C-alpha cells in the first residue's frame, strides 16, 4: 500500500469549465488553481489528464452528464 505525505486539492471554481477541443491541437495548457494540505518542501508540477474510467465518478460527484471523447478525436 502506498502512503502519501501531502495531498493536492483543486479549487472548486476551477473544476468545471469549457474547453474548445480541435483535432489539430495536440495539447492545451490551462491554469487551474490548486492547494496542498500542508506546505511543500520543494516545488512540484501537477499534470492532469482524462481518465475514461473515472467519468462516472465525476458525474456522480458533480451531478453532471459528461462523456469521454473517442480516442480518434
N, C-alpha and C. Protein backbone atom coordinates (compact mmCIF):
# COMPACT_ATOMS: atom_id res chain seq x y z
N UNK A 1 0.84 -1.17 0.00
CA UNK A 1 0.00 0.00 0.00
C UNK A 1 0.89 1.24 0.00
N UNK A 2 0.51 2.24 -0.83
CA UNK A 2 1.25 3.50 -0.86
C UNK A 2 0.74 4.44 0.22
N UNK A 3 1.64 5.24 0.75
CA UNK A 3 1.24 6.28 1.69
C UNK A 3 1.73 7.61 1.14
N UNK A 4 1.06 8.68 1.51
CA UNK A 4 1.38 10.00 0.99
C UNK A 4 1.58 10.97 2.14
N UNK A 5 2.54 11.87 1.98
CA UNK A 5 2.82 12.87 3.00
C UNK A 5 1.99 14.13 2.83
N UNK A 6 1.38 14.31 1.65
CA UNK A 6 0.65 15.53 1.36
C UNK A 6 -0.43 15.22 0.33
N UNK A 7 -1.40 16.11 0.19
CA UNK A 7 -2.45 15.96 -0.81
C UNK A 7 -2.62 17.27 -1.56
N UNK A 8 -2.98 17.16 -2.84
CA UNK A 8 -3.24 18.32 -3.68
C UNK A 8 -4.74 18.42 -3.90
N UNK A 9 -5.29 19.62 -3.76
CA UNK A 9 -6.71 19.87 -3.96
C UNK A 9 -6.89 20.88 -5.09
N UNK A 10 -7.90 20.68 -5.90
CA UNK A 10 -8.23 21.63 -6.97
C UNK A 10 -9.28 22.59 -6.43
N UNK A 11 -9.07 23.88 -6.65
CA UNK A 11 -10.02 24.91 -6.24
C UNK A 11 -11.37 24.63 -6.91
N UNK A 12 -12.45 24.66 -6.14
CA UNK A 12 -13.78 24.34 -6.67
C UNK A 12 -14.17 25.17 -7.88
N UNK A 13 -13.76 26.43 -7.94
CA UNK A 13 -14.12 27.27 -9.07
C UNK A 13 -13.39 26.85 -10.35
N UNK A 14 -12.30 26.13 -10.22
CA UNK A 14 -11.50 25.73 -11.38
C UNK A 14 -11.92 24.38 -11.95
N UNK A 15 -12.71 23.60 -11.23
CA UNK A 15 -13.03 22.24 -11.66
C UNK A 15 -13.81 22.17 -12.96
N UNK A 16 -14.81 23.01 -13.07
CA UNK A 16 -15.71 22.91 -14.22
C UNK A 16 -15.51 24.12 -15.11
N UNK A 17 -15.37 23.85 -16.38
CA UNK A 17 -15.22 24.92 -17.35
C UNK A 17 -15.40 24.34 -18.74
N UNK A 18 -15.34 25.19 -19.73
CA UNK A 18 -15.48 24.75 -21.11
C UNK A 18 -14.17 24.94 -21.83
N UNK A 19 -13.73 23.91 -22.51
CA UNK A 19 -12.52 23.98 -23.33
C UNK A 19 -12.91 23.53 -24.72
N UNK A 20 -12.65 24.37 -25.72
CA UNK A 20 -12.95 24.03 -27.10
C UNK A 20 -11.83 23.14 -27.63
N UNK A 21 -12.15 21.92 -28.00
CA UNK A 21 -11.16 20.97 -28.50
C UNK A 21 -11.21 20.91 -30.01
N UNK A 22 -10.02 20.95 -30.63
CA UNK A 22 -9.92 20.85 -32.09
C UNK A 22 -8.97 19.72 -32.43
N UNK A 23 -9.27 18.99 -33.52
CA UNK A 23 -8.45 17.85 -33.92
C UNK A 23 -6.98 18.21 -34.10
N UNK A 24 -6.72 19.38 -34.67
CA UNK A 24 -5.34 19.75 -34.99
C UNK A 24 -4.53 20.22 -33.77
N UNK A 25 -5.17 20.40 -32.62
CA UNK A 25 -4.48 20.82 -31.40
C UNK A 25 -4.15 19.58 -30.58
N UNK A 26 -2.85 19.28 -30.45
CA UNK A 26 -2.43 18.06 -29.75
C UNK A 26 -2.33 18.25 -28.25
N UNK A 27 -2.12 19.46 -27.79
CA UNK A 27 -2.04 19.70 -26.35
C UNK A 27 -2.59 21.09 -26.04
N UNK A 28 -2.92 21.28 -24.78
CA UNK A 28 -3.52 22.53 -24.36
C UNK A 28 -3.07 22.82 -22.94
N UNK A 29 -2.72 24.06 -22.67
CA UNK A 29 -2.34 24.45 -21.32
C UNK A 29 -3.42 25.34 -20.74
N UNK A 30 -3.66 25.15 -19.45
CA UNK A 30 -4.66 25.95 -18.75
C UNK A 30 -4.23 26.07 -17.30
N UNK A 31 -4.46 27.19 -16.69
CA UNK A 31 -4.13 27.38 -15.29
C UNK A 31 -5.31 26.93 -14.44
N UNK A 32 -5.05 26.01 -13.54
CA UNK A 32 -6.06 25.52 -12.60
C UNK A 32 -5.49 25.73 -11.21
N UNK A 33 -6.19 26.50 -10.39
CA UNK A 33 -5.72 26.81 -9.05
C UNK A 33 -5.76 25.56 -8.17
N UNK A 34 -4.63 25.23 -7.57
CA UNK A 34 -4.56 24.07 -6.67
C UNK A 34 -3.98 24.50 -5.33
N UNK A 35 -4.22 23.68 -4.33
CA UNK A 35 -3.68 23.91 -2.99
C UNK A 35 -3.18 22.58 -2.44
N UNK A 36 -2.28 22.65 -1.49
CA UNK A 36 -1.81 21.45 -0.80
C UNK A 36 -2.22 21.54 0.66
N UNK A 37 -2.37 20.38 1.28
CA UNK A 37 -2.87 20.37 2.66
C UNK A 37 -1.85 20.91 3.66
N UNK A 38 -0.57 20.80 3.34
CA UNK A 38 0.45 21.39 4.20
C UNK A 38 1.57 21.92 3.31
N UNK A 39 2.38 22.87 3.78
CA UNK A 39 3.42 23.45 2.94
C UNK A 39 4.35 22.39 2.35
N UNK A 40 4.66 22.56 1.06
CA UNK A 40 5.56 21.62 0.38
C UNK A 40 7.00 22.06 0.60
N UNK A 41 7.88 21.09 0.72
CA UNK A 41 9.30 21.39 0.94
C UNK A 41 10.00 21.80 -0.34
N UNK A 42 9.47 21.36 -1.50
CA UNK A 42 10.07 21.70 -2.80
C UNK A 42 8.97 22.04 -3.78
N UNK A 43 9.33 22.69 -4.89
CA UNK A 43 8.38 22.95 -5.96
C UNK A 43 8.01 21.62 -6.62
N UNK A 44 6.83 21.55 -7.20
CA UNK A 44 6.41 20.35 -7.90
C UNK A 44 5.49 20.73 -9.05
N UNK A 45 5.32 19.82 -9.99
CA UNK A 45 4.48 20.03 -11.16
C UNK A 45 3.31 19.06 -11.10
N UNK A 46 2.13 19.55 -11.41
CA UNK A 46 0.93 18.71 -11.44
C UNK A 46 0.52 18.56 -12.89
N UNK A 47 0.29 17.33 -13.32
CA UNK A 47 -0.17 17.05 -14.68
C UNK A 47 -1.55 16.43 -14.60
N UNK A 48 -2.49 16.97 -15.36
CA UNK A 48 -3.85 16.44 -15.40
C UNK A 48 -4.09 15.79 -16.75
N UNK A 49 -4.79 14.68 -16.73
CA UNK A 49 -5.17 14.02 -17.99
C UNK A 49 -6.52 13.35 -17.78
N UNK A 50 -7.20 13.13 -18.88
CA UNK A 50 -8.50 12.47 -18.82
C UNK A 50 -8.32 10.99 -18.49
N UNK A 51 -9.13 10.50 -17.58
CA UNK A 51 -9.12 9.08 -17.22
C UNK A 51 -10.52 8.54 -17.49
N UNK A 52 -10.70 7.87 -18.64
CA UNK A 52 -12.04 7.41 -19.02
C UNK A 52 -12.76 6.61 -17.95
N UNK A 53 -12.05 5.83 -17.17
CA UNK A 53 -12.69 5.00 -16.14
C UNK A 53 -13.32 5.83 -15.02
N UNK A 54 -12.96 7.10 -14.91
CA UNK A 54 -13.46 7.93 -13.81
C UNK A 54 -14.58 8.89 -14.21
N UNK A 55 -15.04 8.81 -15.46
CA UNK A 55 -16.11 9.72 -15.90
C UNK A 55 -17.37 9.54 -15.07
N UNK A 56 -17.76 8.30 -14.78
CA UNK A 56 -18.97 8.08 -13.99
C UNK A 56 -18.80 8.60 -12.56
N UNK A 57 -17.59 8.49 -12.00
CA UNK A 57 -17.32 9.03 -10.66
C UNK A 57 -17.46 10.55 -10.68
N UNK A 58 -16.91 11.19 -11.72
CA UNK A 58 -17.04 12.64 -11.87
C UNK A 58 -18.51 13.03 -11.96
N UNK A 59 -19.27 12.32 -12.81
CA UNK A 59 -20.68 12.65 -12.99
C UNK A 59 -21.45 12.54 -11.68
N UNK A 60 -21.17 11.54 -10.87
CA UNK A 60 -21.84 11.40 -9.57
C UNK A 60 -21.45 12.54 -8.63
N UNK A 61 -20.17 12.88 -8.59
CA UNK A 61 -19.69 13.91 -7.66
C UNK A 61 -20.17 15.30 -8.05
N UNK A 62 -20.27 15.57 -9.36
CA UNK A 62 -20.61 16.92 -9.84
C UNK A 62 -22.04 17.01 -10.37
N UNK A 63 -22.83 15.95 -10.20
CA UNK A 63 -24.21 15.92 -10.71
C UNK A 63 -24.23 16.33 -12.18
N UNK A 64 -23.36 15.72 -12.97
CA UNK A 64 -23.19 16.09 -14.37
C UNK A 64 -23.47 14.88 -15.26
N UNK A 65 -23.39 15.09 -16.55
CA UNK A 65 -23.59 14.02 -17.52
C UNK A 65 -22.47 14.08 -18.56
N UNK A 66 -21.23 14.24 -18.11
CA UNK A 66 -20.09 14.35 -19.02
C UNK A 66 -19.86 13.02 -19.73
N UNK A 67 -19.30 13.11 -20.94
CA UNK A 67 -18.93 11.92 -21.68
C UNK A 67 -17.47 12.05 -22.11
N UNK A 68 -16.79 10.92 -22.29
CA UNK A 68 -15.41 10.94 -22.73
C UNK A 68 -15.40 10.96 -24.26
N UNK A 69 -14.53 11.77 -24.84
CA UNK A 69 -14.42 11.80 -26.30
C UNK A 69 -13.74 10.55 -26.81
N UNK A 70 -14.11 10.09 -28.00
CA UNK A 70 -13.43 8.92 -28.58
C UNK A 70 -11.95 9.21 -28.81
N UNK A 71 -11.11 8.19 -28.74
CA UNK A 71 -9.67 8.34 -28.92
C UNK A 71 -9.31 9.06 -30.22
N UNK A 72 -10.05 8.76 -31.30
CA UNK A 72 -9.72 9.35 -32.61
C UNK A 72 -9.97 10.84 -32.69
N UNK A 73 -10.66 11.41 -31.68
CA UNK A 73 -10.89 12.85 -31.67
C UNK A 73 -9.77 13.52 -30.93
